[in-house]
Amino acid sequence: MATTATKQTSSGGARVKLQQLGRMLSGMVLPNIGAFIAWGLITALFIPTGWLPNESLATLVGPIITYLLPLLIGYTGGQMVHGKRGAVIGALVTMGVIVGTSIPMFLGAMIVGPLAAWILQQFDKAVDGKIKAGFEMLVNNFSLGIIGGVLTLGALKGVGPLIQGLTNLLSDGVQFLVDHNLLPLINVIIEPAKVLFLNNAINQGILSPIAAGEAVKAGKSILFMLESNPGPGLGILLAYWLVGKGSAKSSAPGAIIIHFLGGIHEIYFPYILMNPRLILAVIGGGVSGTFTFQMLGAGLVASPSPGSIFAYFAMTPKGGYLPMLSGVIVATVVSFVLASLLLKTVKKNDEEEMDLEEATAKVKDMKSAGTAAQTAATATTATVAANVRTKANVNKIVFACDAGMGSSAMGASVLRKKLQSAGVNITVVNSAVSEIPADADIVVTQKTLTDRAIASNPTAEHISIDNFLKSPKYDELVERLK
């Protein structure tokens, strides 16, 4: 028994660490997605095989992917670790890996940006309180310059070539799978990983950097489509809508809109957790979709983020719509058929099957694994109660989630509409839980993120919810602010 418990603890710890890695990787990429989309649109329009070939405008393509995008990632990664000073040294050292290689250095930027910021942070901690008055700016500037310069040289001669070798090795592995028609097998790993929130580590850490290099050479890459294909998730939701029962059936149509059109794949994870056998359906959909993409020569010019059908259309190169749509449709149909068959075999009195609310809560617990224990929860309750604001003291409400782009955007939209319908004129915005604005009066988060939200902004009133789409606390808040 002890051995089994130890194994389970070890497995859970490994999953948490991988989730943390995924959050860190996505935290460096997601704030810069707009720049990636801009590069993708410029590429799709102006390269020789684009919609509006233009040799002069196409000169932007190379510098943006070679210099700007890695520098943005390195800057953001450094800022996550050590604020503005970390951001500056992160961008500086990223320049070393860029110059030291001949391929887009997204992976290198994800490594050296945070690492350089951490090293500078350790120096700042070591000299804190030991600098004579009047010399702070001098020490700060020269310490960043000297440490940054040394690390940049190391990145140029050491890290850059090492990352290029690793990237070439991974590229060769992917090319082997392509040459032997084995690429669809990757979805056997990707689809379960998505439900466990490990997709960011796979997508942002491995697939996207390799895909970006392929897109520069060939004008497109199928690797952008392996994890982002909305077809498998759409098939699951359609199956629940047509053959499901209860709250899952009634909520599926709304989830379809959020997933397929909005590109927020998290919305369908609880539906799989209600019946874990459905993981077979998304694996089948993912494998068949990728097989179709590969057979028809599909590919995208840049990462479709979020993974909606609109983003797919925007990132598809000229002449590639039929292969793209074929892969999405095949993945949807296969996932739908398998999910429908699996749902019809569920016993009515199956006590192990979770309802939608329980599954949603489990998803949130998995995504936010490692939150504070009971003592911290007690402190959280006290802090929330102490900061309750009156109507006259509320000007801005912030809805926060991990990345500040998915569930927080939906929750903010729901709350904003309720306030507008009630005639309440209060600003409602969304943000990452680590970047809550200082002028936020009320912060709304999923309950497992409340401790982090309080640490980010301890002076605001904090409201914890279970379901970001339909929480009764929204109506309570609206009534209070009328």
Protein backbone atom coordinates (compact mmCIF):
# COMPACT_ATOMS: atom_id res chain seq x y z
CA MET A 1 0.00 0.00 0.00
CA ALA A 2 2.78 2.40 0.91
CA THR A 3 4.53 1.66 -2.36
CA THR A 4 1.35 2.32 -4.33
CA ALA A 5 0.78 5.60 -2.51
CA THR A 6 4.35 6.65 -3.15
CA LYS A 7 3.99 5.90 -6.85
CA GLN A 8 0.77 7.88 -7.03
CA THR A 9 2.36 10.83 -5.23
CA SER A 10 5.35 10.70 -7.55
CA SER A 11 3.09 10.56 -10.60
CA GLY A 12 1.00 13.46 -9.34
CA GLY A 13 4.12 15.51 -8.61
CA ALA A 14 5.48 14.89 -12.09
CA ARG A 15 2.16 15.97 -13.60
CA VAL A 16 2.15 19.17 -11.54
CA LYS A 17 5.70 19.99 -12.62
CA LEU A 18 4.80 19.43 -16.27
CA GLN A 19 1.74 21.65 -15.84
CA GLN A 20 3.92 24.35 -14.32
CA LEU A 21 6.31 24.05 -17.24
CA GLY A 22 3.39 24.37 -19.64
CA ARG A 23 2.11 27.47 -17.85
CA MET A 24 5.53 29.07 -17.97
CA LEU A 25 5.99 28.33 -21.67
CA SER A 26 2.52 29.57 -22.55
CA GLY A 27 3.05 32.60 -20.30
CA MET A 28 5.97 33.62 -22.51
CA VAL A 29 4.14 33.01 -25.79
CA LEU A 30 0.50 33.96 -25.22
CA PRO A 31 1.07 37.69 -24.47
CA ASN A 32 2.89 37.90 -27.82
CA ILE A 33 0.37 35.95 -29.91
CA GLY A 34 -0.76 39.14 -31.63
CA ALA A 35 2.73 39.58 -33.06
CA PHE A 36 2.75 35.95 -34.24
CA ILE A 37 -0.59 36.48 -35.96
CA ALA A 38 0.68 39.65 -37.62
CA TRP A 39 3.70 37.75 -38.92
CA GLY A 40 1.44 34.95 -40.15
CA LEU A 41 -0.83 37.35 -42.02
CA ILE A 42 2.11 39.18 -43.62
CA THR A 43 3.54 35.81 -44.66
CA ALA A 44 0.23 34.54 -46.07
CA LEU A 45 -0.30 37.72 -48.06
CA PHE A 46 3.06 38.81 -49.43
CA ILE A 47 5.42 35.84 -49.91
CA PRO A 48 5.81 34.67 -53.55
CA THR A 49 3.12 32.00 -53.08
CA GLY A 50 0.82 34.28 -51.03
CA TRP A 51 -2.45 35.97 -51.87
CA LEU A 52 -0.86 39.30 -52.84
CA PRO A 53 2.79 38.57 -53.72
CA ASN A 54 4.95 41.62 -53.06
CA GLU A 55 8.73 41.36 -52.94
CA SER A 56 9.18 44.60 -51.01
CA LEU A 57 6.61 43.89 -48.30
CA ALA A 58 7.74 40.26 -48.01
CA THR A 59 11.12 41.48 -46.72
CA LEU A 60 9.43 41.84 -43.32
CA VAL A 61 8.90 38.10 -42.99
CA GLY A 62 12.48 37.05 -42.24
CA PRO A 63 13.45 39.75 -39.70
CA ILE A 64 10.22 39.38 -37.74
CA ILE A 65 10.57 35.63 -37.20
CA THR A 66 14.35 35.71 -36.79
CA TYR A 67 14.68 38.69 -34.46
CA LEU A 68 11.43 40.25 -33.24
CA LEU A 69 9.45 37.20 -32.13
CA PRO A 70 12.30 35.49 -30.20
CA LEU A 71 13.20 38.83 -28.58
CA LEU A 72 9.59 39.31 -27.47
CA ILE A 73 9.58 35.82 -25.94
CA GLY A 74 12.90 36.38 -24.19
CA TYR A 75 11.74 39.78 -22.91
CA THR A 76 8.45 38.36 -21.59
CA GLY A 77 10.17 35.36 -20.00
CA GLY A 78 12.63 37.63 -18.21
CA GLN A 79 9.83 39.90 -17.02
CA MET A 80 7.98 36.93 -15.52
CA VAL A 81 11.00 36.17 -13.35
CA HIS A 82 12.41 39.59 -12.40
CA GLY A 83 10.25 42.44 -13.64
CA LYS A 84 11.62 45.10 -15.97
CA ARG A 85 15.27 44.37 -15.22
CA GLY A 86 14.64 40.71 -15.96
CA ALA A 87 12.90 41.66 -19.20
CA VAL A 88 15.84 43.74 -20.41
CA ILE A 89 18.49 41.12 -19.66
CA GLY A 90 16.20 38.40 -21.06
CA ALA A 91 15.98 40.21 -24.41
CA LEU A 92 19.70 40.97 -24.40
CA VAL A 93 20.80 37.37 -23.84
CA THR A 94 18.21 36.14 -26.35
CA MET A 95 20.09 38.17 -28.96
CA GLY A 96 23.08 35.93 -28.29
CA VAL A 97 21.22 32.73 -29.19
CA ILE A 98 19.69 34.44 -32.25
CA VAL A 99 23.06 35.45 -33.68
CA GLY A 100 24.60 32.11 -32.72
CA THR A 101 22.21 30.10 -34.86
CA SER A 102 20.67 30.06 -38.32
CA ILE A 103 17.10 29.08 -37.35
CA PRO A 104 14.29 30.89 -35.47
CA MET A 105 15.25 30.72 -31.79
CA PHE A 106 11.92 30.37 -30.00
CA LEU A 107 13.11 27.45 -27.90
CA GLY A 108 16.38 29.22 -27.09
CA ALA A 109 14.51 32.37 -26.05
CA MET A 110 12.27 30.31 -23.74
CA ILE A 111 15.38 28.99 -22.00
CA VAL A 112 17.79 31.91 -21.80
CA GLY A 113 15.23 34.67 -21.15
CA PRO A 114 14.03 33.35 -17.77
CA LEU A 115 17.47 31.93 -16.92
CA ALA A 116 19.26 35.25 -17.44
CA ALA A 117 16.60 37.06 -15.39
CA TRP A 118 17.00 34.52 -12.57
CA ILE A 119 20.78 35.00 -12.48
CA LEU A 120 20.35 38.78 -12.31
CA GLN A 121 17.74 38.32 -9.59
CA GLN A 122 20.20 36.34 -7.47
CA PHE A 123 22.78 39.12 -7.80
CA ASP A 124 20.22 41.76 -6.84
CA LYS A 125 19.26 39.75 -3.76
CA ALA A 126 22.92 39.36 -2.77
CA VAL A 127 23.61 43.13 -2.86
CA ASP A 128 20.25 44.26 -1.50
CA GLY A 129 20.79 46.71 1.32
CA LYS A 130 24.56 46.79 0.83
CA ILE A 131 24.81 49.60 -1.75
CA LYS A 132 25.72 53.06 -0.50
CA ALA A 133 23.13 55.78 -0.98
CA GLY A 134 23.47 57.53 -4.31
CA PHE A 135 25.14 54.59 -6.04
CA GLU A 136 21.99 52.49 -6.62
CA MET A 137 21.49 53.49 -10.25
CA LEU A 138 25.16 53.07 -11.07
CA VAL A 139 25.28 49.57 -9.58
CA ASN A 140 21.99 48.55 -11.16
CA ASN A 141 22.98 49.66 -14.66
CA PHE A 142 26.49 48.24 -14.60
CA SER A 143 25.46 44.97 -12.98
CA LEU A 144 22.88 44.37 -15.69
CA GLY A 145 25.35 45.42 -18.38
CA ILE A 146 28.22 43.26 -17.16
CA ILE A 147 26.16 40.17 -16.27
CA GLY A 148 24.08 40.56 -19.45
CA GLY A 149 27.16 40.96 -21.62
CA VAL A 150 28.83 37.84 -20.21
CA LEU A 151 25.65 35.77 -20.55
CA THR A 152 25.10 37.04 -24.11
CA LEU A 153 28.57 35.87 -25.12
CA GLY A 154 27.88 32.50 -23.50
CA ALA A 155 24.58 32.25 -25.35
CA LEU A 156 26.27 33.10 -28.64
CA LYS A 157 29.01 30.49 -28.37
CA GLY A 158 27.40 27.82 -26.23
CA VAL A 159 23.63 27.87 -25.80
CA GLY A 160 22.79 28.89 -29.37
CA PRO A 161 24.63 26.04 -31.11
CA LEU A 162 23.36 23.58 -28.46
CA ILE A 163 19.72 24.60 -29.02
CA GLN A 164 20.18 24.47 -32.78
CA GLY A 165 21.53 20.94 -32.48
CA LEU A 166 18.59 19.93 -30.30
CA THR A 167 16.12 21.56 -32.68
CA ASN A 168 17.73 19.82 -35.65
CA LEU A 169 17.45 16.50 -33.81
CA LEU A 170 13.76 17.07 -33.07
CA SER A 171 13.18 18.19 -36.65
CA ASP A 172 14.84 15.04 -37.94
CA GLY A 173 12.57 12.98 -35.68
CA VAL A 174 9.47 14.74 -36.99
CA GLN A 175 10.70 14.37 -40.57
CA PHE A 176 11.20 10.64 -39.96
CA LEU A 177 7.57 10.36 -38.88
CA VAL A 178 6.47 12.35 -41.94
CA ASP A 179 8.55 10.26 -44.34
CA HIS A 180 7.15 7.02 -42.91
CA ASN A 181 3.56 8.30 -42.66
CA LEU A 182 3.65 7.95 -38.87
CA LEU A 183 2.96 11.58 -37.96
CA PRO A 184 -0.67 10.88 -36.93
CA LEU A 185 0.62 8.70 -34.08
CA ILE A 186 1.73 11.86 -32.27
CA ASN A 187 -1.93 12.54 -31.51
CA VAL A 188 -2.01 9.44 -29.33
CA ILE A 189 0.11 11.53 -26.94
CA ILE A 190 -1.27 14.98 -27.67
CA GLU A 191 -4.97 14.35 -27.08
CA PRO A 192 -4.66 12.91 -23.54
CA ALA A 193 -2.06 15.59 -22.78
CA LYS A 194 -4.56 18.33 -23.61
CA VAL A 195 -7.02 17.06 -21.01
CA LEU A 196 -4.18 17.00 -18.44
CA PHE A 197 -3.15 20.53 -19.42
CA LEU A 198 0.21 19.38 -20.73
CA ASN A 199 -0.49 20.66 -24.23
CA ASN A 200 1.42 23.92 -23.74
CA ALA A 201 4.64 22.08 -22.92
CA ILE A 202 4.25 20.02 -26.11
CA ASN A 203 2.91 22.71 -28.42
CA GLN A 204 4.78 25.83 -27.35
CA GLY A 205 7.94 24.02 -26.30
CA ILE A 206 8.46 21.63 -29.20
CA LEU A 207 6.00 21.77 -32.08
CA SER A 208 5.71 25.53 -32.68
CA PRO A 209 9.47 26.26 -32.81
CA ILE A 210 10.00 23.44 -35.32
CA ALA A 211 6.90 24.44 -37.28
CA ALA A 212 8.04 28.05 -37.52
CA GLY A 213 11.31 26.92 -39.12
CA GLU A 214 9.42 24.74 -41.59
CA ALA A 215 7.07 27.61 -42.44
CA VAL A 216 10.01 29.84 -43.33
CA LYS A 217 11.33 27.25 -45.79
CA ALA A 218 8.11 25.82 -47.22
CA GLY A 219 5.60 28.59 -46.53
CA LYS A 220 3.50 26.35 -44.26
CA SER A 221 3.74 23.54 -41.70
CA ILE A 222 1.41 20.75 -40.67
CA LEU A 223 2.90 20.84 -37.16
CA PHE A 224 0.83 23.94 -36.38
CA MET A 225 -2.26 21.73 -36.78
CA LEU A 226 -1.40 18.73 -34.62
CA GLU A 227 -2.58 20.11 -31.28
CA SER A 228 -4.82 23.00 -32.38
CA ASN A 229 -7.26 21.03 -34.60
CA PRO A 230 -10.73 21.93 -33.24
CA GLY A 231 -12.30 18.84 -34.86
CA PRO A 232 -11.82 16.24 -32.08
CA GLY A 233 -13.30 18.50 -29.42
CA LEU A 234 -16.18 19.50 -31.69
CA GLY A 235 -17.04 15.83 -32.20
CA ILE A 236 -17.21 15.27 -28.43
CA LEU A 237 -19.54 18.23 -27.90
CA LEU A 238 -21.79 17.28 -30.82
CA ALA A 239 -22.11 13.77 -29.39
CA TYR A 240 -23.18 15.11 -26.00
CA TRP A 241 -25.65 17.48 -27.68
CA LEU A 242 -27.29 14.76 -29.77
CA VAL A 243 -27.08 11.62 -27.61
CA GLY A 244 -26.08 12.90 -24.18
CA LYS A 245 -28.33 13.54 -21.19
CA GLY A 246 -28.93 16.05 -18.44
CA SER A 247 -26.91 19.21 -17.92
CA ALA A 248 -24.16 18.05 -20.27
CA LYS A 249 -26.65 17.80 -23.16
CA SER A 250 -28.19 21.20 -22.50
CA SER A 251 -24.85 22.98 -22.09
CA ALA A 252 -23.15 21.40 -25.13
CA PRO A 253 -24.50 23.87 -27.77
CA GLY A 254 -23.03 26.84 -25.92
CA ALA A 255 -19.78 24.98 -25.42
CA ILE A 256 -19.63 24.29 -29.17
CA ILE A 257 -19.70 28.01 -29.93
CA ILE A 258 -17.00 28.76 -27.37
CA HIS A 259 -14.80 25.89 -28.54
CA PHE A 260 -15.18 25.88 -32.32
CA LEU A 261 -15.67 29.59 -32.96
CA GLY A 262 -13.89 31.03 -29.94
CA GLY A 263 -11.02 28.54 -29.99
CA ILE A 264 -11.05 27.87 -26.23
CA HIS A 265 -10.50 24.12 -26.08
CA GLU A 266 -10.61 23.97 -22.28
CA ILE A 267 -14.39 24.07 -22.48
CA TYR A 268 -14.66 20.45 -23.64
CA PHE A 269 -12.24 18.90 -21.12
CA PRO A 270 -14.92 18.44 -18.41
CA TYR A 271 -17.08 16.52 -20.89
CA ILE A 272 -14.29 13.96 -21.29
CA LEU A 273 -13.68 13.76 -17.56
CA MET A 274 -17.36 12.88 -17.07
CA ASN A 275 -16.66 9.74 -19.05
CA PRO A 276 -12.90 9.08 -19.36
CA ARG A 277 -13.54 6.48 -22.07
CA LEU A 278 -14.17 9.40 -24.42
CA ILE A 279 -10.42 9.97 -24.56
CA LEU A 280 -10.50 7.20 -27.17
CA ALA A 281 -12.82 9.35 -29.27
CA VAL A 282 -10.55 12.40 -29.30
CA ILE A 283 -7.52 10.22 -30.00
CA GLY A 284 -9.36 8.69 -32.95
CA GLY A 285 -10.39 12.13 -34.17
CA GLY A 286 -6.91 13.56 -33.76
CA VAL A 287 -5.18 10.66 -35.53
CA SER A 288 -7.64 10.64 -38.44
CA GLY A 289 -7.51 14.43 -38.78
CA THR A 290 -3.73 14.52 -38.89
CA PHE A 291 -3.71 11.61 -41.35
CA THR A 292 -6.03 13.60 -43.62
CA PHE A 293 -3.91 16.74 -43.28
CA GLN A 294 -0.81 14.76 -44.22
CA MET A 295 -2.40 12.96 -47.16
CA LEU A 296 -3.75 16.19 -48.68
CA GLY A 297 -0.68 18.32 -47.95
CA ALA A 298 -2.34 20.69 -45.50
CA GLY A 299 -0.42 23.25 -43.46
CA LEU A 300 -0.67 26.67 -41.83
CA VAL A 301 1.66 29.64 -42.13
CA ALA A 302 1.68 30.36 -38.40
CA SER A 303 0.22 29.15 -35.13
CA PRO A 304 -3.60 29.51 -35.01
CA SER A 305 -4.15 30.97 -31.59
CA PRO A 306 -6.68 30.54 -30.22
CA GLY A 307 -7.43 27.26 -32.01
CA SER A 308 -10.71 28.34 -33.62
CA ILE A 309 -11.93 27.72 -37.14
CA PHE A 310 -11.59 31.45 -37.83
CA ALA A 311 -7.90 31.34 -36.90
CA TYR A 312 -7.51 28.31 -39.17
CA PHE A 313 -8.94 30.22 -42.12
CA ALA A 314 -6.72 33.22 -41.36
CA MET A 315 -3.53 31.13 -41.18
CA THR A 316 -4.24 28.89 -44.20
CA PRO A 317 -2.12 29.71 -47.27
CA LYS A 318 -3.60 30.28 -50.71
CA GLY A 319 -4.98 27.07 -52.16
CA GLY A 320 -4.95 25.22 -48.85
CA TYR A 321 -8.55 25.57 -47.70
CA LEU A 322 -9.82 22.21 -48.98
CA PRO A 323 -7.07 20.15 -47.25
CA MET A 324 -7.53 22.18 -44.05
CA LEU A 325 -11.30 21.80 -43.95
CA SER A 326 -11.07 18.11 -44.88
CA GLY A 327 -8.86 17.36 -41.89
CA VAL A 328 -11.08 19.29 -39.49
CA ILE A 329 -14.25 17.62 -40.81
CA VAL A 330 -12.78 14.11 -40.74
CA ALA A 331 -11.54 14.63 -37.17
CA THR A 332 -14.99 15.89 -36.15
CA VAL A 333 -16.86 13.00 -37.76
CA VAL A 334 -14.59 10.28 -36.34
CA SER A 335 -14.61 11.82 -32.87
CA PHE A 336 -18.41 12.24 -33.01
CA VAL A 337 -19.09 8.65 -34.11
CA LEU A 338 -16.79 7.13 -31.49
CA ALA A 339 -18.07 9.40 -28.74
CA SER A 340 -21.70 8.65 -29.62
CA LEU A 341 -21.08 4.91 -29.44
CA LEU A 342 -19.26 5.25 -26.12
CA LEU A 343 -21.99 7.47 -24.64
CA LYS A 344 -24.71 5.00 -25.63
CA THR A 345 -22.94 2.26 -23.70
CA VAL A 346 -22.93 4.23 -20.44
CA LYS A 347 -25.11 2.62 -17.77
CA LYS A 348 -27.87 4.85 -16.46
CA ASN A 349 -26.97 4.11 -12.84
CA ASP A 350 -23.22 4.20 -13.27
CA GLU A 351 -22.17 5.60 -9.91
CA GLU A 352 -18.68 6.38 -11.11
CA GLU A 353 -19.82 8.79 -13.78
CA MET A 354 -19.44 12.42 -12.74
CA ASP A 355 -21.91 15.18 -13.54
CA LEU A 356 -20.77 18.24 -15.48
CA GLU A 357 -20.27 20.47 -12.45
CA GLU A 358 -18.12 17.88 -10.69
CA ALA A 359 -16.07 17.34 -13.84
CA THR A 360 -15.60 21.08 -14.30
CA ALA A 361 -14.39 21.38 -10.73
CA LYS A 362 -11.97 18.50 -11.33
CA VAL A 363 -10.57 20.28 -14.40
CA LYS A 364 -9.98 23.40 -12.35
CA ASP A 365 -8.33 21.40 -9.58
CA MET A 366 -6.05 19.70 -12.10
CA LYS A 367 -5.14 22.96 -13.77
CA SER A 368 -4.40 24.70 -10.50
CA ALA A 369 -2.80 21.75 -8.70
CA GLY A 370 -0.59 22.67 -5.82
CA THR A 371 -2.63 25.58 -4.40
CA ALA A 372 -2.44 26.47 -0.72
CA ALA A 373 -3.59 24.15 2.04
CA GLN A 374 -6.31 24.71 4.63
CA THR A 375 -4.41 27.31 6.63
CA ALA A 376 -3.94 29.43 3.52
CA ALA A 377 -7.62 28.96 2.68
CA THR A 378 -8.57 30.35 6.09
CA ALA A 379 -6.37 33.38 5.48
CA THR A 380 -7.95 33.78 2.05
CA THR A 381 -11.46 33.85 3.53
CA ALA A 382 -10.43 36.48 6.05
CA THR A 383 -8.82 38.64 3.39
CA VAL A 384 -11.84 38.39 1.09
CA ALA A 385 -14.23 39.31 3.89
CA ALA A 386 -12.12 42.25 5.04
CA ASN A 387 -11.99 43.97 1.63
CA VAL A 388 -15.68 43.98 0.66
CA ARG A 389 -16.36 47.18 -1.31
CA THR A 390 -19.49 49.33 -1.35
CA LYS A 391 -21.11 50.45 -4.60
CA ALA A 392 -19.53 53.91 -4.37
CA ASN A 393 -16.03 52.39 -4.13
CA VAL A 394 -16.19 50.13 -7.18
CA ASN A 395 -14.93 51.48 -10.52
CA LYS A 396 -13.14 48.48 -12.02
CA ILE A 397 -13.79 44.73 -11.83
CA VAL A 398 -11.08 42.37 -13.03
CA PHE A 399 -11.71 38.75 -13.98
CA ALA A 400 -8.44 36.81 -13.70
CA CYS A 401 -7.31 33.38 -14.86
CA ASP A 402 -3.95 31.68 -15.43
CA ALA A 403 -3.08 33.22 -18.79
CA GLY A 404 -5.62 36.07 -18.85
CA MET A 405 -6.98 35.11 -22.25
CA GLY A 406 -9.33 32.12 -22.00
CA SER A 407 -11.75 31.60 -19.15
CA SER A 408 -11.20 35.13 -17.81
CA ALA A 409 -12.27 36.65 -21.12
CA MET A 410 -15.47 34.57 -21.13
CA GLY A 411 -16.21 35.30 -17.49
CA ALA A 412 -15.62 39.03 -17.98
CA SER A 413 -17.98 39.00 -20.97
CA VAL A 414 -20.74 37.27 -18.98
CA LEU A 415 -20.39 39.64 -16.03
CA ARG A 416 -20.15 42.71 -18.28
CA LYS A 417 -23.43 41.84 -20.00
CA LYS A 418 -25.20 41.29 -16.67
CA LEU A 419 -24.01 44.66 -15.38
CA GLN A 420 -25.04 46.44 -18.58
CA SER A 421 -28.49 44.83 -18.48
CA ALA A 422 -28.88 46.07 -14.91
CA GLY A 423 -27.82 49.59 -15.90
CA VAL A 424 -24.59 49.44 -13.90
CA ASN A 425 -21.76 51.41 -15.52
CA ILE A 426 -18.60 49.75 -14.20
CA THR A 427 -15.51 48.75 -16.16
CA VAL A 428 -14.99 44.98 -16.42
CA VAL A 429 -11.70 43.65 -17.83
CA ASN A 430 -9.77 40.37 -17.81
CA SER A 431 -6.13 39.72 -16.97
CA ALA A 432 -3.65 37.05 -15.97
CA VAL A 433 -3.77 36.25 -12.27
CA SER A 434 -0.13 37.32 -11.92
CA GLU A 435 -0.77 40.71 -13.58
CA ILE A 436 -3.92 42.01 -11.88
CA PRO A 437 -4.01 45.82 -12.24
CA ALA A 438 -3.27 47.82 -9.11
CA ASP A 439 -6.47 49.87 -9.57
CA ALA A 440 -8.75 46.80 -9.50
CA ASP A 441 -11.52 47.23 -6.93
CA ILE A 442 -13.01 43.73 -7.25
CA VAL A 443 -11.18 40.66 -8.54
CA VAL A 444 -13.15 37.59 -9.66
CA THR A 445 -11.29 34.26 -9.98
CA GLN A 446 -11.96 30.56 -9.98
CA LYS A 447 -11.67 29.45 -6.36
CA THR A 448 -8.38 27.57 -6.77
CA LEU A 449 -6.70 30.75 -8.03
CA THR A 450 -7.93 33.09 -5.29
CA ASP A 451 -4.78 32.78 -3.15
CA ARG A 452 -2.59 33.76 -6.10
CA ALA A 453 -4.94 36.64 -6.92
CA ILE A 454 -4.72 37.97 -3.37
CA ALA A 455 -0.94 37.80 -3.51
CA SER A 456 -1.04 39.76 -6.77
CA ASN A 457 -3.42 42.43 -5.45
CA PRO A 458 -4.07 42.19 -1.68
CA THR A 459 -6.02 45.45 -1.44
CA ALA A 460 -8.91 44.48 -3.75
CA GLU A 461 -12.07 42.60 -2.85
CA HIS A 462 -11.72 39.01 -4.08
CA ILE A 463 -14.66 36.86 -5.17
CA SER A 464 -14.19 33.12 -5.72
CA ILE A 465 -16.41 31.20 -8.14
CA ASP A 466 -16.77 27.59 -9.25
CA ASN A 467 -18.05 27.97 -12.82
CA PHE A 468 -16.93 30.95 -14.86
CA LEU A 469 -19.92 30.66 -17.23
CA LYS A 470 -22.83 30.51 -14.77
CA SER A 471 -22.00 31.43 -11.20
CA PRO A 472 -24.78 32.68 -8.87
CA LYS A 473 -22.23 35.09 -7.42
CA TYR A 474 -22.47 37.15 -10.63
CA ASP A 475 -26.12 37.94 -9.89
CA GLU A 476 -25.34 38.63 -6.23
CA LEU A 477 -22.64 41.10 -7.28
CA VAL A 478 -24.93 42.82 -9.78
CA GLU A 479 -27.63 43.22 -7.14
CA ARG A 480 -25.13 44.74 -4.73
CA LEU A 481 -23.87 47.24 -7.33
CA LYS A 482 -27.28 48.35 -8.62
